[in-house]
Amino acid sequence: MIGHILFSPVTMVGRPELRLTGLAPMAVSSPHRNKGIGSALVRRGLHRCARLGFDAVVVLGHAAYDPRFGFQPAARFGMRRAGHRRPATSTGDNA
């Protein structure tokens, strides 16, 4: 196997009407990394999610990698991971 991506149903407390899916895991085997395979998997997966009518895709990912696909920090939308509390000293956004 060269690469793998999986999308799974996600629910948001207080917003049961939203059709959400989560992206995880996504992986590319070591000899095939840095060839655009991971990016292709994500782009194709996001396209398919849109065609299937999902309202949004969420990911606990990498701040330097995920924005290239249109992901934004969840805090910008008033969202946070269930059970997650941002430390009082934190100045960064949570993804």
Protein backbone atom coordinates (compact mmCIF):
# COMPACT_ATOMS: atom_id res chain seq x y z
CA MET A 1 0.00 0.00 0.00
CA ILE A 2 1.32 3.42 -0.93
CA GLY A 3 -1.20 5.65 0.84
CA HIS A 4 -4.41 5.65 2.83
CA ILE A 5 -7.04 8.19 3.88
CA LEU A 6 -10.17 7.72 5.97
CA PHE A 7 -13.15 9.95 6.68
CA SER A 8 -15.48 9.13 9.60
CA PRO A 9 -18.77 10.65 10.83
CA VAL A 10 -18.43 13.41 13.41
CA THR A 11 -21.10 15.01 15.59
CA MET A 12 -21.02 18.47 17.10
CA VAL A 13 -22.70 19.03 20.45
CA GLY A 14 -25.61 21.43 20.01
CA ARG A 15 -25.53 21.25 16.19
CA PRO A 16 -27.00 17.85 15.26
CA GLU A 17 -28.26 19.23 11.92
CA LEU A 18 -24.71 19.62 10.57
CA ARG A 19 -23.36 16.79 8.43
CA LEU A 20 -19.74 16.60 9.50
CA THR A 21 -16.95 14.17 8.78
CA GLY A 22 -13.48 13.87 10.24
CA LEU A 23 -10.30 13.26 8.27
CA ALA A 24 -8.06 10.75 10.03
CA PRO A 25 -5.90 8.93 9.52
CA MET A 26 -4.02 9.88 6.38
CA ALA A 27 -0.68 8.28 5.70
CA VAL A 28 1.79 7.68 2.89
CA SER A 29 4.47 5.01 3.12
CA SER A 30 7.99 6.36 3.64
CA PRO A 31 9.46 5.61 0.20
CA HIS A 32 6.58 7.50 -1.47
CA ARG A 33 6.47 10.65 0.66
CA ASN A 34 7.12 14.14 -0.72
CA LYS A 35 5.73 13.20 -4.12
CA GLY A 36 2.30 14.81 -3.76
CA ILE A 37 0.49 11.57 -2.93
CA GLY A 38 -0.79 12.78 0.45
CA SER A 39 -1.99 16.04 -1.08
CA ALA A 40 -3.75 14.14 -3.85
CA LEU A 41 -5.47 11.89 -1.30
CA VAL A 42 -6.69 14.87 0.72
CA ARG A 43 -7.88 16.84 -2.32
CA ARG A 44 -9.71 13.86 -3.79
CA GLY A 45 -11.23 13.02 -0.40
CA LEU A 46 -12.43 16.58 0.18
CA HIS A 47 -13.94 16.67 -3.31
CA ARG A 48 -15.80 13.43 -2.62
CA CYS A 49 -17.03 14.72 0.77
CA ALA A 50 -18.42 17.82 -0.96
CA ARG A 51 -20.17 15.67 -3.58
CA LEU A 52 -21.69 13.56 -0.80
CA GLY A 53 -23.15 16.68 0.80
CA PHE A 54 -21.09 17.05 3.95
CA ASP A 55 -21.27 20.52 5.49
CA ALA A 56 -17.71 20.45 6.74
CA VAL A 57 -14.65 18.28 7.30
CA VAL A 58 -12.73 18.50 10.56
CA VAL A 59 -9.18 17.40 11.22
CA LEU A 60 -6.83 17.37 14.19
CA GLY A 61 -3.86 18.11 12.03
CA HIS A 62 -0.78 20.15 11.36
CA ALA A 63 -0.92 23.95 11.34
CA ALA A 64 1.70 24.11 8.58
CA TYR A 65 0.18 21.42 6.34
CA ASP A 66 -3.62 21.60 6.51
CA PRO A 67 -4.27 25.26 5.55
CA ARG A 68 -3.20 24.49 1.96
CA PHE A 69 -6.45 22.50 1.68
CA GLY A 70 -8.63 25.27 3.09
CA PHE A 71 -8.65 24.13 6.72
CA GLN A 72 -8.84 26.89 9.31
CA PRO A 73 -8.43 26.78 13.09
CA ALA A 74 -11.67 25.61 14.71
CA ALA A 75 -11.45 28.46 17.24
CA ARG A 76 -12.36 30.87 14.42
CA PHE A 77 -15.76 29.17 14.29
CA GLY A 78 -16.24 28.96 18.05
CA MET A 79 -15.44 25.25 18.04
CA ARG A 80 -13.13 23.17 20.20
CA ARG A 81 -12.47 19.50 20.68
CA ALA A 82 -14.77 17.92 23.28
CA GLY A 83 -13.07 17.83 26.66
CA HIS A 84 -10.29 20.12 25.44
CA ARG A 85 -9.47 23.27 27.35
CA ARG A 86 -7.02 25.79 26.04
CA PRO A 87 -4.36 26.67 28.65
CA ALA A 88 -4.74 30.20 30.00
CA THR A 89 -1.25 31.07 28.73
CA SER A 90 -1.88 29.88 25.17
CA THR A 91 -1.66 32.49 22.42
CA GLY A 92 -2.13 30.15 19.44
CA ASP A 93 -5.25 28.89 17.74
CA ASN A 94 -6.42 25.33 18.24
CA ALA A 95 -6.87 23.33 15.04
